[in-house]
Amino acid sequence: RDPGSTRFDVANGVLGGDFTARLNMNLRE
């Protein structure tokens, strides 16, 4: 319900919320 939750969700996408996100690119790829 926080007004910044959508921005956090996008930030999470950059870090680890998608196959091409930073965590997966580092540890897997």
mmCIF file of all heavy atoms, coordinates in Angstrom:
data_MODEL
# 
_entry.id   MODEL 
# 
loop_
_atom_site.group_PDB 
_atom_site.id 
_atom_site.type_symbol 
_atom_site.label_atom_id 
_atom_site.label_alt_id 
_atom_site.label_comp_id 
_atom_site.label_asym_id 
_atom_site.label_entity_id 
_atom_site.label_seq_id 
_atom_site.pdbx_PDB_ins_code 
_atom_site.Cartn_x 
_atom_site.Cartn_y 
_atom_site.Cartn_z 
_atom_site.occupancy 
_atom_site.B_iso_or_equiv 
_atom_site.pdbx_formal_charge 
_atom_site.auth_seq_id 
_atom_site.auth_comp_id 
_atom_site.auth_asym_id 
_atom_site.auth_atom_id 
_atom_site.pdbx_PDB_model_num 
ATOM 1   N N   . ARG A 1 1  ? 0.819  -1.214  0.000   1.00 0.00 ? 1  ARG A N   1 
ATOM 2   C CA  . ARG A 1 1  ? 0.000  0.000   0.000   1.00 0.00 ? 1  ARG A CA  1 
ATOM 3   C C   . ARG A 1 1  ? 0.852  1.262   0.000   1.00 0.00 ? 1  ARG A C   1 
ATOM 4   O O   . ARG A 1 1  ? 0.340  2.360   -0.163  1.00 0.00 ? 1  ARG A O   1 
ATOM 5   C CB  . ARG A 1 1  ? -0.940 -0.012  1.197   1.00 0.00 ? 1  ARG A CB  1 
ATOM 6   C CG  . ARG A 1 1  ? -1.969 -1.125  1.081   1.00 0.00 ? 1  ARG A CG  1 
ATOM 7   C CD  . ARG A 1 1  ? -2.824 -1.271  2.295   1.00 0.00 ? 1  ARG A CD  1 
ATOM 8   N NE  . ARG A 1 1  ? -3.496 -0.021  2.623   1.00 0.00 ? 1  ARG A NE  1 
ATOM 9   C CZ  . ARG A 1 1  ? -4.194 0.182   3.710   1.00 0.00 ? 1  ARG A CZ  1 
ATOM 10  N NH1 . ARG A 1 1  ? -4.325 -0.778  4.602   1.00 0.00 ? 1  ARG A NH1 1 
ATOM 11  N NH2 . ARG A 1 1  ? -4.771 1.332   3.941   1.00 0.00 ? 1  ARG A NH2 1 
ATOM 12  N N   . ASP A 1 2  ? 2.156  1.127   0.179   1.00 0.00 ? 2  ASP A N   1 
ATOM 13  C CA  . ASP A 1 2  ? 3.060  2.268   0.193   1.00 0.00 ? 2  ASP A CA  1 
ATOM 14  C C   . ASP A 1 2  ? 3.059  2.939   -1.187  1.00 0.00 ? 2  ASP A C   1 
ATOM 15  O O   . ASP A 1 2  ? 3.087  2.247   -2.214  1.00 0.00 ? 2  ASP A O   1 
ATOM 16  C CB  . ASP A 1 2  ? 4.477  1.798   0.543   1.00 0.00 ? 2  ASP A CB  1 
ATOM 17  C CG  . ASP A 1 2  ? 5.444  2.948   0.660   1.00 0.00 ? 2  ASP A CG  1 
ATOM 18  O OD1 . ASP A 1 2  ? 5.504  3.553   1.734   1.00 0.00 ? 2  ASP A OD1 1 
ATOM 19  O OD2 . ASP A 1 2  ? 6.133  3.246   -0.346  1.00 0.00 ? 2  ASP A OD2 1 
ATOM 20  N N   . PRO A 1 3  ? 3.043  4.266   -1.243  1.00 0.00 ? 3  PRO A N   1 
ATOM 21  C CA  . PRO A 1 3  ? 3.044  4.956   -2.543  1.00 0.00 ? 3  PRO A CA  1 
ATOM 22  C C   . PRO A 1 3  ? 4.257  4.619   -3.419  1.00 0.00 ? 3  PRO A C   1 
ATOM 23  O O   . PRO A 1 3  ? 4.190  4.745   -4.640  1.00 0.00 ? 3  PRO A O   1 
ATOM 24  C CB  . PRO A 1 3  ? 3.047  6.444   -2.168  1.00 0.00 ? 3  PRO A CB  1 
ATOM 25  C CG  . PRO A 1 3  ? 2.582  6.506   -0.760  1.00 0.00 ? 3  PRO A CG  1 
ATOM 26  C CD  . PRO A 1 3  ? 2.938  5.192   -0.121  1.00 0.00 ? 3  PRO A CD  1 
ATOM 27  N N   . GLY A 1 4  ? 5.346  4.172   -2.825  1.00 0.00 ? 4  GLY A N   1 
ATOM 28  C CA  . GLY A 1 4  ? 6.546  3.839   -3.593  1.00 0.00 ? 4  GLY A CA  1 
ATOM 29  C C   . GLY A 1 4  ? 6.649  2.378   -3.981  1.00 0.00 ? 4  GLY A C   1 
ATOM 30  O O   . GLY A 1 4  ? 7.680  1.948   -4.515  1.00 0.00 ? 4  GLY A O   1 
ATOM 31  N N   . SER A 1 5  ? 5.597  1.592   -3.762  1.00 0.00 ? 5  SER A N   1 
ATOM 32  C CA  . SER A 1 5  ? 5.711  0.153   -4.001  1.00 0.00 ? 5  SER A CA  1 
ATOM 33  C C   . SER A 1 5  ? 5.945  -0.191  -5.469  1.00 0.00 ? 5  SER A C   1 
ATOM 34  O O   . SER A 1 5  ? 6.690  -1.125  -5.762  1.00 0.00 ? 5  SER A O   1 
ATOM 35  C CB  . SER A 1 5  ? 4.494  -0.601  -3.458  1.00 0.00 ? 5  SER A CB  1 
ATOM 36  O OG  . SER A 1 5  ? 3.339  -0.283  -4.192  1.00 0.00 ? 5  SER A OG  1 
ATOM 37  N N   . THR A 1 6  ? 5.354  0.536   -6.385  1.00 0.00 ? 6  THR A N   1 
ATOM 38  C CA  . THR A 1 6  ? 5.580  0.238   -7.809  1.00 0.00 ? 6  THR A CA  1 
ATOM 39  C C   . THR A 1 6  ? 7.020  0.542   -8.188  1.00 0.00 ? 6  THR A C   1 
ATOM 40  O O   . THR A 1 6  ? 7.653  -0.231  -8.914  1.00 0.00 ? 6  THR A O   1 
ATOM 41  C CB  . THR A 1 6  ? 4.596  1.025   -8.697  1.00 0.00 ? 6  THR A CB  1 
ATOM 42  O OG1 . THR A 1 6  ? 3.256  0.622   -8.361  1.00 0.00 ? 6  THR A OG1 1 
ATOM 43  C CG2 . THR A 1 6  ? 4.838  0.764   -10.167 1.00 0.00 ? 6  THR A CG2 1 
ATOM 44  N N   . ARG A 1 7  ? 7.559  1.641   -7.687  1.00 0.00 ? 7  ARG A N   1 
ATOM 45  C CA  . ARG A 1 7  ? 8.970  1.957   -7.971  1.00 0.00 ? 7  ARG A CA  1 
ATOM 46  C C   . ARG A 1 7  ? 9.878  0.873   -7.386  1.00 0.00 ? 7  ARG A C   1 
ATOM 47  O O   . ARG A 1 7  ? 10.850 0.460   -8.014  1.00 0.00 ? 7  ARG A O   1 
ATOM 48  C CB  . ARG A 1 7  ? 9.328  3.341   -7.426  1.00 0.00 ? 7  ARG A CB  1 
ATOM 49  C CG  . ARG A 1 7  ? 8.702  4.463   -8.241  1.00 0.00 ? 7  ARG A CG  1 
ATOM 50  C CD  . ARG A 1 7  ? 9.183  5.840   -7.808  1.00 0.00 ? 7  ARG A CD  1 
ATOM 51  N NE  . ARG A 1 7  ? 8.852  6.171   -6.435  1.00 0.00 ? 7  ARG A NE  1 
ATOM 52  C CZ  . ARG A 1 7  ? 7.689  6.652   -6.016  1.00 0.00 ? 7  ARG A CZ  1 
ATOM 53  N NH1 . ARG A 1 7  ? 6.719  6.870   -6.879  1.00 0.00 ? 7  ARG A NH1 1 
ATOM 54  N NH2 . ARG A 1 7  ? 7.494  6.929   -4.744  1.00 0.00 ? 7  ARG A NH2 1 
ATOM 55  N N   . PHE A 1 8  ? 9.545  0.393   -6.170  1.00 0.00 ? 8  PHE A N   1 
ATOM 56  C CA  . PHE A 1 8  ? 10.352 -0.685  -5.594  1.00 0.00 ? 8  PHE A CA  1 
ATOM 57  C C   . PHE A 1 8  ? 10.253 -1.941  -6.443  1.00 0.00 ? 8  PHE A C   1 
ATOM 58  O O   . PHE A 1 8  ? 11.252 -2.635  -6.654  1.00 0.00 ? 8  PHE A O   1 
ATOM 59  C CB  . PHE A 1 8  ? 9.945  -0.989  -4.143  1.00 0.00 ? 8  PHE A CB  1 
ATOM 60  C CG  . PHE A 1 8  ? 10.805 -2.070  -3.556  1.00 0.00 ? 8  PHE A CG  1 
ATOM 61  C CD1 . PHE A 1 8  ? 12.062 -1.780  -3.061  1.00 0.00 ? 8  PHE A CD1 1 
ATOM 62  C CD2 . PHE A 1 8  ? 10.390 -3.392  -3.554  1.00 0.00 ? 8  PHE A CD2 1 
ATOM 63  C CE1 . PHE A 1 8  ? 12.895 -2.781  -2.562  1.00 0.00 ? 8  PHE A CE1 1 
ATOM 64  C CE2 . PHE A 1 8  ? 11.202 -4.400  -3.062  1.00 0.00 ? 8  PHE A CE2 1 
ATOM 65  C CZ  . PHE A 1 8  ? 12.458 -4.085  -2.557  1.00 0.00 ? 8  PHE A CZ  1 
ATOM 66  N N   . ASP A 1 9  ? 9.072  -2.252  -6.953  1.00 0.00 ? 9  ASP A N   1 
ATOM 67  C CA  . ASP A 1 9  ? 8.910  -3.441  -7.783  1.00 0.00 ? 9  ASP A CA  1 
ATOM 68  C C   . ASP A 1 9  ? 9.775  -3.355  -9.045  1.00 0.00 ? 9  ASP A C   1 
ATOM 69  O O   . ASP A 1 9  ? 10.354 -4.353  -9.476  1.00 0.00 ? 9  ASP A O   1 
ATOM 70  C CB  . ASP A 1 9  ? 7.443  -3.644  -8.158  1.00 0.00 ? 9  ASP A CB  1 
ATOM 71  C CG  . ASP A 1 9  ? 6.590  -4.049  -6.964  1.00 0.00 ? 9  ASP A CG  1 
ATOM 72  O OD1 . ASP A 1 9  ? 7.142  -4.503  -5.942  1.00 0.00 ? 9  ASP A OD1 1 
ATOM 73  O OD2 . ASP A 1 9  ? 5.353  -3.899  -7.053  1.00 0.00 ? 9  ASP A OD2 1 
ATOM 74  N N   . VAL A 1 10 ? 9.866  -2.175  -9.626  1.00 0.00 ? 10 VAL A N   1 
ATOM 75  C CA  . VAL A 1 10 ? 10.726 -2.000  -10.808 1.00 0.00 ? 10 VAL A CA  1 
ATOM 76  C C   . VAL A 1 10 ? 12.192 -2.126  -10.400 1.00 0.00 ? 10 VAL A C   1 
ATOM 77  O O   . VAL A 1 10 ? 12.984 -2.780  -11.096 1.00 0.00 ? 10 VAL A O   1 
ATOM 78  C CB  . VAL A 1 10 ? 10.427 -0.677  -11.530 1.00 0.00 ? 10 VAL A CB  1 
ATOM 79  C CG1 . VAL A 1 10 ? 11.434 -0.415  -12.653 1.00 0.00 ? 10 VAL A CG1 1 
ATOM 80  C CG2 . VAL A 1 10 ? 9.000  -0.696  -12.099 1.00 0.00 ? 10 VAL A CG2 1 
ATOM 81  N N   . ALA A 1 11 ? 12.558 -1.538  -9.263  1.00 0.00 ? 11 ALA A N   1 
ATOM 82  C CA  . ALA A 1 11 ? 13.940 -1.680  -8.779  1.00 0.00 ? 11 ALA A CA  1 
ATOM 83  C C   . ALA A 1 11 ? 14.268 -3.153  -8.545  1.00 0.00 ? 11 ALA A C   1 
ATOM 84  O O   . ALA A 1 11 ? 15.349 -3.630  -8.924  1.00 0.00 ? 11 ALA A O   1 
ATOM 85  C CB  . ALA A 1 11 ? 14.137 -0.869  -7.496  1.00 0.00 ? 11 ALA A CB  1 
ATOM 86  N N   . ASN A 1 12 ? 13.340 -3.883  -7.948  1.00 0.00 ? 12 ASN A N   1 
ATOM 87  C CA  . ASN A 1 12 ? 13.552 -5.312  -7.754  1.00 0.00 ? 12 ASN A CA  1 
ATOM 88  C C   . ASN A 1 12 ? 13.731 -6.017  -9.091  1.00 0.00 ? 12 ASN A C   1 
ATOM 89  O O   . ASN A 1 12 ? 14.536 -6.941  -9.208  1.00 0.00 ? 12 ASN A O   1 
ATOM 90  C CB  . ASN A 1 12 ? 12.401 -5.941  -6.980  1.00 0.00 ? 12 ASN A CB  1 
ATOM 91  C CG  . ASN A 1 12 ? 12.610 -7.430  -6.834  1.00 0.00 ? 12 ASN A CG  1 
ATOM 92  O OD1 . ASN A 1 12 ? 13.511 -7.868  -6.128  1.00 0.00 ? 12 ASN A OD1 1 
ATOM 93  N ND2 . ASN A 1 12 ? 11.817 -8.208  -7.546  1.00 0.00 ? 12 ASN A ND2 1 
ATOM 94  N N   . GLY A 1 13 ? 12.983 -5.591  -10.100 1.00 0.00 ? 13 GLY A N   1 
ATOM 95  C CA  . GLY A 1 13 ? 13.138 -6.178  -11.427 1.00 0.00 ? 13 GLY A CA  1 
ATOM 96  C C   . GLY A 1 13 ? 14.549 -6.029  -11.959 1.00 0.00 ? 13 GLY A C   1 
ATOM 97  O O   . GLY A 1 13 ? 15.111 -6.953  -12.546 1.00 0.00 ? 13 GLY A O   1 
ATOM 98  N N   . VAL A 1 14 ? 15.140 -4.872  -11.731 1.00 0.00 ? 14 VAL A N   1 
ATOM 99  C CA  . VAL A 1 14 ? 16.518 -4.620  -12.183 1.00 0.00 ? 14 VAL A CA  1 
ATOM 100 C C   . VAL A 1 14 ? 17.486 -5.544  -11.445 1.00 0.00 ? 14 VAL A C   1 
ATOM 101 O O   . VAL A 1 14 ? 18.381 -6.136  -12.050 1.00 0.00 ? 14 VAL A O   1 
ATOM 102 C CB  . VAL A 1 14 ? 16.905 -3.140  -11.962 1.00 0.00 ? 14 VAL A CB  1 
ATOM 103 C CG1 . VAL A 1 14 ? 18.400 -2.917  -12.179 1.00 0.00 ? 14 VAL A CG1 1 
ATOM 104 C CG2 . VAL A 1 14 ? 16.082 -2.226  -12.874 1.00 0.00 ? 14 VAL A CG2 1 
ATOM 105 N N   . LEU A 1 15 ? 17.307 -5.690  -10.155 1.00 0.00 ? 15 LEU A N   1 
ATOM 106 C CA  . LEU A 1 15 ? 18.241 -6.477  -9.349  1.00 0.00 ? 15 LEU A CA  1 
ATOM 107 C C   . LEU A 1 15 ? 18.061 -7.976  -9.517  1.00 0.00 ? 15 LEU A C   1 
ATOM 108 O O   . LEU A 1 15 ? 19.047 -8.702  -9.691  1.00 0.00 ? 15 LEU A O   1 
ATOM 109 C CB  . LEU A 1 15 ? 18.098 -6.107  -7.866  1.00 0.00 ? 15 LEU A CB  1 
ATOM 110 C CG  . LEU A 1 15 ? 19.028 -6.835  -6.906  1.00 0.00 ? 15 LEU A CG  1 
ATOM 111 C CD1 . LEU A 1 15 ? 20.493 -6.531  -7.208  1.00 0.00 ? 15 LEU A CD1 1 
ATOM 112 C CD2 . LEU A 1 15 ? 18.686 -6.456  -5.470  1.00 0.00 ? 15 LEU A CD2 1 
ATOM 113 N N   . GLY A 1 16 ? 16.818 -8.452  -9.469  1.00 0.00 ? 16 GLY A N   1 
ATOM 114 C CA  . GLY A 1 16 ? 16.651 -9.901  -9.493  1.00 0.00 ? 16 GLY A CA  1 
ATOM 115 C C   . GLY A 1 16 ? 15.303 -10.409 -9.950  1.00 0.00 ? 16 GLY A C   1 
ATOM 116 O O   . GLY A 1 16 ? 15.040 -11.604 -9.855  1.00 0.00 ? 16 GLY A O   1 
ATOM 117 N N   . GLY A 1 17 ? 14.450 -9.552  -10.436 1.00 0.00 ? 17 GLY A N   1 
ATOM 118 C CA  . GLY A 1 17 ? 13.087 -9.952  -10.764 1.00 0.00 ? 17 GLY A CA  1 
ATOM 119 C C   . GLY A 1 17 ? 12.881 -10.513 -12.150 1.00 0.00 ? 17 GLY A C   1 
ATOM 120 O O   . GLY A 1 17 ? 11.743 -10.775 -12.536 1.00 0.00 ? 17 GLY A O   1 
ATOM 121 N N   . ASP A 1 18 ? 13.942 -10.705 -12.888 1.00 0.00 ? 18 ASP A N   1 
ATOM 122 C CA  . ASP A 1 18 ? 13.836 -11.189 -14.261 1.00 0.00 ? 18 ASP A CA  1 
ATOM 123 C C   . ASP A 1 18 ? 15.080 -12.018 -14.598 1.00 0.00 ? 18 ASP A C   1 
ATOM 124 O O   . ASP A 1 18 ? 16.124 -11.864 -13.959 1.00 0.00 ? 18 ASP A O   1 
ATOM 125 C CB  . ASP A 1 18 ? 13.716 -9.974  -15.201 1.00 0.00 ? 18 ASP A CB  1 
ATOM 126 C CG  . ASP A 1 18 ? 13.662 -10.364 -16.655 1.00 0.00 ? 18 ASP A CG  1 
ATOM 127 O OD1 . ASP A 1 18 ? 12.714 -11.076 -17.038 1.00 0.00 ? 18 ASP A OD1 1 
ATOM 128 O OD2 . ASP A 1 18 ? 14.556 -9.974  -17.423 1.00 0.00 ? 18 ASP A OD2 1 
ATOM 129 N N   . PHE A 1 19 ? 14.960 -12.860 -15.610 1.00 0.00 ? 19 PHE A N   1 
ATOM 130 C CA  . PHE A 1 19 ? 16.104 -13.688 -16.005 1.00 0.00 ? 19 PHE A CA  1 
ATOM 131 C C   . PHE A 1 19 ? 17.339 -12.840 -16.312 1.00 0.00 ? 19 PHE A C   1 
ATOM 132 O O   . PHE A 1 19 ? 18.463 -13.217 -15.994 1.00 0.00 ? 19 PHE A O   1 
ATOM 133 C CB  . PHE A 1 19 ? 15.748 -14.559 -17.218 1.00 0.00 ? 19 PHE A CB  1 
ATOM 134 C CG  . PHE A 1 19 ? 16.871 -15.462 -17.642 1.00 0.00 ? 19 PHE A CG  1 
ATOM 135 C CD1 . PHE A 1 19 ? 17.034 -16.700 -17.037 1.00 0.00 ? 19 PHE A CD1 1 
ATOM 136 C CD2 . PHE A 1 19 ? 17.784 -15.074 -18.607 1.00 0.00 ? 19 PHE A CD2 1 
ATOM 137 C CE1 . PHE A 1 19 ? 18.088 -17.536 -17.405 1.00 0.00 ? 19 PHE A CE1 1 
ATOM 138 C CE2 . PHE A 1 19 ? 18.831 -15.895 -18.983 1.00 0.00 ? 19 PHE A CE2 1 
ATOM 139 C CZ  . PHE A 1 19 ? 18.981 -17.137 -18.381 1.00 0.00 ? 19 PHE A CZ  1 
ATOM 140 N N   . THR A 1 20 ? 17.140 -11.699 -16.962 1.00 0.00 ? 20 THR A N   1 
ATOM 141 C CA  . THR A 1 20 ? 18.273 -10.854 -17.349 1.00 0.00 ? 20 THR A CA  1 
ATOM 142 C C   . THR A 1 20 ? 18.657 -9.841  -16.279 1.00 0.00 ? 20 THR A C   1 
ATOM 143 O O   . THR A 1 20 ? 19.440 -8.930  -16.543 1.00 0.00 ? 20 THR A O   1 
ATOM 144 C CB  . THR A 1 20 ? 17.977 -10.131 -18.683 1.00 0.00 ? 20 THR A CB  1 
ATOM 145 O OG1 . THR A 1 20 ? 16.784 -9.361  -18.519 1.00 0.00 ? 20 THR A OG1 1 
ATOM 146 C CG2 . THR A 1 20 ? 17.815 -11.107 -19.816 1.00 0.00 ? 20 THR A CG2 1 
ATOM 147 N N   . ALA A 1 21 ? 18.130 -9.990  -15.062 1.00 0.00 ? 21 ALA A N   1 
ATOM 148 C CA  . ALA A 1 21 ? 18.464 -9.089  -13.961 1.00 0.00 ? 21 ALA A CA  1 
ATOM 149 C C   . ALA A 1 21 ? 19.886 -9.353  -13.456 1.00 0.00 ? 21 ALA A C   1 
ATOM 150 O O   . ALA A 1 21 ? 20.498 -10.386 -13.753 1.00 0.00 ? 21 ALA A O   1 
ATOM 151 C CB  . ALA A 1 21 ? 17.451 -9.255  -12.835 1.00 0.00 ? 21 ALA A CB  1 
ATOM 152 N N   . ARG A 1 22 ? 20.382 -8.441  -12.699 1.00 0.00 ? 22 ARG A N   1 
ATOM 153 C CA  . ARG A 1 22 ? 21.778 -8.452  -12.265 1.00 0.00 ? 22 ARG A CA  1 
ATOM 154 C C   . ARG A 1 22 ? 22.209 -9.721  -11.528 1.00 0.00 ? 22 ARG A C   1 
ATOM 155 O O   . ARG A 1 22 ? 23.284 -10.270 -11.802 1.00 0.00 ? 22 ARG A O   1 
ATOM 156 C CB  . ARG A 1 22 ? 22.063 -7.237  -11.382 1.00 0.00 ? 22 ARG A CB  1 
ATOM 157 C CG  . ARG A 1 22 ? 21.989 -5.934  -12.146 1.00 0.00 ? 22 ARG A CG  1 
ATOM 158 C CD  . ARG A 1 22 ? 22.233 -4.761  -11.245 1.00 0.00 ? 22 ARG A CD  1 
ATOM 159 N NE  . ARG A 1 22 ? 22.136 -3.517  -11.997 1.00 0.00 ? 22 ARG A NE  1 
ATOM 160 C CZ  . ARG A 1 22 ? 22.488 -2.343  -11.505 1.00 0.00 ? 22 ARG A CZ  1 
ATOM 161 N NH1 . ARG A 1 22 ? 22.960 -2.253  -10.265 1.00 0.00 ? 22 ARG A NH1 1 
ATOM 162 N NH2 . ARG A 1 22 ? 22.353 -1.256  -12.241 1.00 0.00 ? 22 ARG A NH2 1 
ATOM 163 N N   . LEU A 1 23 ? 21.408 -10.178 -10.573 1.00 0.00 ? 23 LEU A N   1 
ATOM 164 C CA  . LEU A 1 23 ? 21.820 -11.357 -9.802  1.00 0.00 ? 23 LEU A CA  1 
ATOM 165 C C   . LEU A 1 23 ? 21.993 -12.578 -10.693 1.00 0.00 ? 23 LEU A C   1 
ATOM 166 O O   . LEU A 1 23 ? 22.981 -13.308 -10.577 1.00 0.00 ? 23 LEU A O   1 
ATOM 167 C CB  . LEU A 1 23 ? 20.801 -11.658 -8.691  1.00 0.00 ? 23 LEU A CB  1 
ATOM 168 C CG  . LEU A 1 23 ? 20.772 -10.688 -7.517  1.00 0.00 ? 23 LEU A CG  1 
ATOM 169 C CD1 . LEU A 1 23 ? 19.579 -10.972 -6.616  1.00 0.00 ? 23 LEU A CD1 1 
ATOM 170 C CD2 . LEU A 1 23 ? 22.077 -10.740 -6.729  1.00 0.00 ? 23 LEU A CD2 1 
ATOM 171 N N   . ASN A 1 24 ? 21.048 -12.816 -11.579 1.00 0.00 ? 24 ASN A N   1 
ATOM 172 C CA  . ASN A 1 24 ? 21.123 -13.983 -12.451 1.00 0.00 ? 24 ASN A CA  1 
ATOM 173 C C   . ASN A 1 24 ? 22.247 -13.841 -13.474 1.00 0.00 ? 24 ASN A C   1 
ATOM 174 O O   . ASN A 1 24 ? 22.951 -14.807 -13.765 1.00 0.00 ? 24 ASN A O   1 
ATOM 175 C CB  . ASN A 1 24 ? 19.789 -14.230 -13.153 1.00 0.00 ? 24 ASN A CB  1 
ATOM 176 C CG  . ASN A 1 24 ? 19.698 -15.620 -13.711 1.00 0.00 ? 24 ASN A CG  1 
ATOM 177 O OD1 . ASN A 1 24 ? 19.864 -16.599 -12.995 1.00 0.00 ? 24 ASN A OD1 1 
ATOM 178 N ND2 . ASN A 1 24 ? 19.431 -15.719 -15.003 1.00 0.00 ? 24 ASN A ND2 1 
ATOM 179 N N   . MET A 1 25 ? 22.410 -12.651 -14.013 1.00 0.00 ? 25 MET A N   1 
ATOM 180 C CA  . MET A 1 25 ? 23.485 -12.452 -14.989 1.00 0.00 ? 25 MET A CA  1 
ATOM 181 C C   . MET A 1 25 ? 24.850 -12.696 -14.351 1.00 0.00 ? 25 MET A C   1 
ATOM 182 O O   . MET A 1 25 ? 25.734 -13.272 -14.977 1.00 0.00 ? 25 MET A O   1 
ATOM 183 C CB  . MET A 1 25 ? 23.428 -11.036 -15.575 1.00 0.00 ? 25 MET A CB  1 
ATOM 184 C CG  . MET A 1 25 ? 22.253 -10.796 -16.510 1.00 0.00 ? 25 MET A CG  1 
ATOM 185 S SD  . MET A 1 25 ? 22.354 -11.724 -18.065 1.00 0.00 ? 25 MET A SD  1 
ATOM 186 C CE  . MET A 1 25 ? 21.320 -13.123 -17.721 1.00 0.00 ? 25 MET A CE  1 
ATOM 187 N N   . ASN A 1 26 ? 25.007 -12.303 -13.112 1.00 0.00 ? 26 ASN A N   1 
ATOM 188 C CA  . ASN A 1 26 ? 26.272 -12.497 -12.417 1.00 0.00 ? 26 ASN A CA  1 
ATOM 189 C C   . ASN A 1 26 ? 26.494 -13.973 -12.080 1.00 0.00 ? 26 ASN A C   1 
ATOM 190 O O   . ASN A 1 26 ? 27.461 -14.591 -12.537 1.00 0.00 ? 26 ASN A O   1 
ATOM 191 C CB  . ASN A 1 26 ? 26.302 -11.641 -11.153 1.00 0.00 ? 26 ASN A CB  1 
ATOM 192 C CG  . ASN A 1 26 ? 27.599 -11.752 -10.379 1.00 0.00 ? 26 ASN A CG  1 
ATOM 193 O OD1 . ASN A 1 26 ? 28.349 -12.715 -10.485 1.00 0.00 ? 26 ASN A OD1 1 
ATOM 194 N ND2 . ASN A 1 26 ? 27.877 -10.759 -9.561  1.00 0.00 ? 26 ASN A ND2 1 
ATOM 195 N N   . LEU A 1 27 ? 25.584 -14.546 -11.276 1.00 0.00 ? 27 LEU A N   1 
ATOM 196 C CA  . LEU A 1 27 ? 25.825 -15.893 -10.746 1.00 0.00 ? 27 LEU A CA  1 
ATOM 197 C C   . LEU A 1 27 ? 25.616 -17.001 -11.768 1.00 0.00 ? 27 LEU A C   1 
ATOM 198 O O   . LEU A 1 27 ? 26.296 -18.023 -11.709 1.00 0.00 ? 27 LEU A O   1 
ATOM 199 C CB  . LEU A 1 27 ? 24.942 -16.133 -9.527  1.00 0.00 ? 27 LEU A CB  1 
ATOM 200 C CG  . LEU A 1 27 ? 25.239 -15.232 -8.329  1.00 0.00 ? 27 LEU A CG  1 
ATOM 201 C CD1 . LEU A 1 27 ? 24.256 -15.499 -7.211  1.00 0.00 ? 27 LEU A CD1 1 
ATOM 202 C CD2 . LEU A 1 27 ? 26.664 -15.408 -7.849  1.00 0.00 ? 27 LEU A CD2 1 
ATOM 203 N N   . ARG A 1 28 ? 24.703 -16.840 -12.698 1.00 0.00 ? 28 ARG A N   1 
ATOM 204 C CA  . ARG A 1 28 ? 24.443 -17.887 -13.686 1.00 0.00 ? 28 ARG A CA  1 
ATOM 205 C C   . ARG A 1 28 ? 25.235 -17.664 -14.972 1.00 0.00 ? 28 ARG A C   1 
ATOM 206 O O   . ARG A 1 28 ? 25.993 -18.514 -15.409 1.00 0.00 ? 28 ARG A O   1 
ATOM 207 C CB  . ARG A 1 28 ? 22.952 -17.960 -14.011 1.00 0.00 ? 28 ARG A CB  1 
ATOM 208 C CG  . ARG A 1 28 ? 22.642 -18.972 -15.104 1.00 0.00 ? 28 ARG A CG  1 
ATOM 209 C CD  . ARG A 1 28 ? 21.197 -18.884 -15.582 1.00 0.00 ? 28 ARG A CD  1 
ATOM 210 N NE  . ARG A 1 28 ? 21.022 -19.589 -16.826 1.00 0.00 ? 28 ARG A NE  1 
ATOM 211 C CZ  . ARG A 1 28 ? 20.397 -20.749 -16.943 1.00 0.00 ? 28 ARG A CZ  1 
ATOM 212 N NH1 . ARG A 1 28 ? 19.888 -21.344 -15.881 1.00 0.00 ? 28 ARG A NH1 1 
ATOM 213 N NH2 . ARG A 1 28 ? 20.274 -21.321 -18.125 1.00 0.00 ? 28 ARG A NH2 1 
ATOM 214 N N   . GLU A 1 29 ? 25.038 -16.513 -15.572 1.00 0.00 ? 29 GLU A N   1 
ATOM 215 C CA  . GLU A 1 29 ? 25.578 -16.292 -16.907 1.00 0.00 ? 29 GLU A CA  1 
ATOM 216 C C   . GLU A 1 29 ? 27.070 -15.981 -16.923 1.00 0.00 ? 29 GLU A C   1 
ATOM 217 O O   . GLU A 1 29 ? 27.769 -16.424 -17.823 1.00 0.00 ? 29 GLU A O   1 
ATOM 218 C CB  . GLU A 1 29 ? 24.786 -15.183 -17.606 1.00 0.00 ? 29 GLU A CB  1 
ATOM 219 C CG  . GLU A 1 29 ? 23.312 -15.534 -17.810 1.00 0.00 ? 29 GLU A CG  1 
ATOM 220 C CD  . GLU A 1 29 ? 23.112 -16.780 -18.660 1.00 0.00 ? 29 GLU A CD  1 
ATOM 221 O OE1 . GLU A 1 29 ? 23.628 -16.829 -19.787 1.00 0.00 ? 29 GLU A OE1 1 
ATOM 222 O OE2 . GLU A 1 29 ? 22.432 -17.715 -18.176 1.00 0.00 ? 29 GLU A OE2 1 
# 
